[in-house]
Each structure stands twice: as structure tokens, then as C-alpha cells.
Amino acid sequence: MDAHGIDIAEIEELDTRVANAGAIRALEQVADHTCEYIVGIVVIISNG
């Protein structure tokens, strides 16, 4: 893919690239939130 446009042959793969990028970002957010929950539970248990 060049800077000025999209090659006709690459249009078919574009939706896959966008979907993969979105899925990776969603998993990153889930992992971040899960880590925060675990740390929060450990802090509550250790202070309790």
C-alpha cells in the first residue's frame, strides 16, 4: 500500500487488517483491566 492510495488487490485484505488491529487492541484493554483488578484484590487482601 503506497501513501497515495490503495491498490485494488489490497482492498480484499483491508477488512482483515482492520479487524485484526481492533481485536488486538480489545485484548490489550481486557488484559490491562484484568491486571488492575488482580492488583486491587491483592491490595485489599493484604490490608485486610
N, C-alpha and C. Protein backbone atom coordinates (compact mmCIF):
# COMPACT_ATOMS: atom_id res chain seq x y z
N MET A 1 0.86 -1.18 0.00
CA MET A 1 0.00 0.00 0.00
C MET A 1 0.90 1.23 0.00
N ASP A 2 0.73 2.11 -0.98
CA ASP A 2 1.53 3.31 -1.02
C ASP A 2 0.84 4.45 -0.28
N ALA A 3 1.49 5.58 -0.20
CA ALA A 3 0.95 6.70 0.57
C ALA A 3 -0.19 7.42 -0.14
N HIS A 4 -0.38 7.16 -1.44
CA HIS A 4 -1.36 7.91 -2.20
C HIS A 4 -2.66 7.17 -2.46
N GLY A 5 -2.73 5.93 -2.09
CA GLY A 5 -3.96 5.20 -2.34
C GLY A 5 -3.82 3.73 -2.01
N ILE A 6 -4.87 3.01 -2.32
CA ILE A 6 -4.92 1.58 -2.04
C ILE A 6 -4.95 0.83 -3.36
N ASP A 7 -4.09 -0.13 -3.48
CA ASP A 7 -4.09 -0.98 -4.66
C ASP A 7 -5.35 -1.83 -4.66
N ILE A 8 -5.93 -2.05 -5.81
CA ILE A 8 -7.17 -2.83 -5.94
C ILE A 8 -7.01 -4.21 -5.29
N ALA A 9 -5.85 -4.82 -5.44
CA ALA A 9 -5.63 -6.16 -4.89
C ALA A 9 -5.60 -6.15 -3.36
N GLU A 10 -5.31 -5.01 -2.76
CA GLU A 10 -5.20 -4.93 -1.30
C GLU A 10 -6.54 -4.65 -0.62
N ILE A 11 -7.56 -4.26 -1.37
CA ILE A 11 -8.86 -3.95 -0.78
C ILE A 11 -9.45 -5.19 -0.10
N GLU A 12 -9.25 -6.34 -0.71
CA GLU A 12 -9.79 -7.58 -0.15
C GLU A 12 -9.20 -7.88 1.22
N GLU A 13 -7.93 -7.55 1.44
CA GLU A 13 -7.26 -7.83 2.70
C GLU A 13 -7.44 -6.72 3.72
N LEU A 14 -7.95 -5.58 3.32
CA LEU A 14 -8.04 -4.43 4.22
C LEU A 14 -8.95 -4.71 5.40
N ASP A 15 -10.09 -5.35 5.16
CA ASP A 15 -11.01 -5.61 6.28
C ASP A 15 -10.39 -6.56 7.29
N THR A 16 -9.58 -7.51 6.82
CA THR A 16 -8.90 -8.42 7.75
C THR A 16 -7.89 -7.67 8.60
N ARG A 17 -7.16 -6.75 7.99
CA ARG A 17 -6.17 -5.97 8.75
C ARG A 17 -6.84 -5.11 9.81
N VAL A 18 -7.95 -4.48 9.44
CA VAL A 18 -8.67 -3.62 10.38
C VAL A 18 -9.25 -4.46 11.52
N ALA A 19 -9.83 -5.61 11.17
CA ALA A 19 -10.41 -6.49 12.20
C ALA A 19 -9.33 -7.00 13.15
N ASN A 20 -8.19 -7.39 12.63
CA ASN A 20 -7.10 -7.87 13.48
C ASN A 20 -6.59 -6.78 14.40
N ALA A 21 -6.44 -5.58 13.88
CA ALA A 21 -5.97 -4.47 14.71
C ALA A 21 -6.97 -4.18 15.82
N GLY A 22 -8.26 -4.21 15.51
CA GLY A 22 -9.28 -3.97 16.52
C GLY A 22 -9.30 -5.06 17.58
N ALA A 23 -9.15 -6.31 17.16
CA ALA A 23 -9.15 -7.43 18.10
C ALA A 23 -7.94 -7.36 19.02
N ILE A 24 -6.80 -7.01 18.47
CA ILE A 24 -5.58 -6.90 19.30
C ILE A 24 -5.75 -5.79 20.32
N ARG A 25 -6.29 -4.66 19.91
CA ARG A 25 -6.49 -3.54 20.84
C ARG A 25 -7.48 -3.90 21.94
N ALA A 26 -8.54 -4.61 21.58
CA ALA A 26 -9.53 -5.02 22.57
C ALA A 26 -8.91 -5.97 23.59
N LEU A 27 -8.09 -6.89 23.13
CA LEU A 27 -7.43 -7.82 24.06
C LEU A 27 -6.44 -7.10 24.97
N GLU A 28 -5.77 -6.08 24.44
CA GLU A 28 -4.87 -5.30 25.28
C GLU A 28 -5.63 -4.63 26.42
N GLN A 29 -6.79 -4.08 26.11
CA GLN A 29 -7.59 -3.41 27.13
C GLN A 29 -8.10 -4.40 28.17
N VAL A 30 -8.53 -5.58 27.73
CA VAL A 30 -9.01 -6.61 28.67
C VAL A 30 -7.87 -7.03 29.59
N ALA A 31 -6.69 -7.22 29.03
CA ALA A 31 -5.54 -7.62 29.85
C ALA A 31 -5.19 -6.54 30.87
N ASP A 32 -5.22 -5.27 30.45
CA ASP A 32 -4.93 -4.17 31.36
C ASP A 32 -5.92 -4.12 32.51
N HIS A 33 -7.20 -4.26 32.20
CA HIS A 33 -8.24 -4.21 33.23
C HIS A 33 -8.14 -5.41 34.17
N THR A 34 -7.85 -6.57 33.63
CA THR A 34 -7.70 -7.76 34.46
C THR A 34 -6.54 -7.60 35.43
N CYS A 35 -5.44 -7.08 34.94
CA CYS A 35 -4.27 -6.84 35.81
C CYS A 35 -4.62 -5.85 36.91
N GLU A 36 -5.33 -4.80 36.58
CA GLU A 36 -5.73 -3.82 37.59
C GLU A 36 -6.63 -4.44 38.65
N TYR A 37 -7.56 -5.29 38.23
CA TYR A 37 -8.45 -5.96 39.19
C TYR A 37 -7.66 -6.87 40.12
N ILE A 38 -6.71 -7.62 39.56
CA ILE A 38 -5.91 -8.54 40.38
C ILE A 38 -5.09 -7.76 41.39
N VAL A 39 -4.46 -6.68 40.96
CA VAL A 39 -3.67 -5.87 41.87
C VAL A 39 -4.56 -5.28 42.96
N GLY A 40 -5.73 -4.80 42.58
CA GLY A 40 -6.66 -4.25 43.56
C GLY A 40 -7.08 -5.28 44.60
N ILE A 41 -7.37 -6.50 44.17
CA ILE A 41 -7.76 -7.57 45.10
C ILE A 41 -6.61 -7.92 46.03
N VAL A 42 -5.41 -7.97 45.49
CA VAL A 42 -4.24 -8.28 46.34
C VAL A 42 -4.03 -7.18 47.37
N VAL A 43 -4.23 -5.94 47.00
CA VAL A 43 -4.06 -4.81 47.94
C VAL A 43 -5.12 -4.91 49.02
N ILE A 44 -6.36 -5.20 48.66
CA ILE A 44 -7.44 -5.31 49.64
C ILE A 44 -7.17 -6.45 50.60
N ILE A 45 -6.75 -7.59 50.08
CA ILE A 45 -6.48 -8.76 50.93
C ILE A 45 -5.29 -8.50 51.86
N SER A 46 -4.24 -7.87 51.33
CA SER A 46 -3.06 -7.65 52.16
C SER A 46 -3.30 -6.60 53.24
N ASN A 47 -4.22 -5.66 53.00
CA ASN A 47 -4.52 -4.64 54.00
C ASN A 47 -5.62 -5.07 54.96
N GLY A 48 -6.32 -6.16 54.61
CA GLY A 48 -7.47 -6.59 55.40
C GLY A 48 -7.09 -7.41 56.51
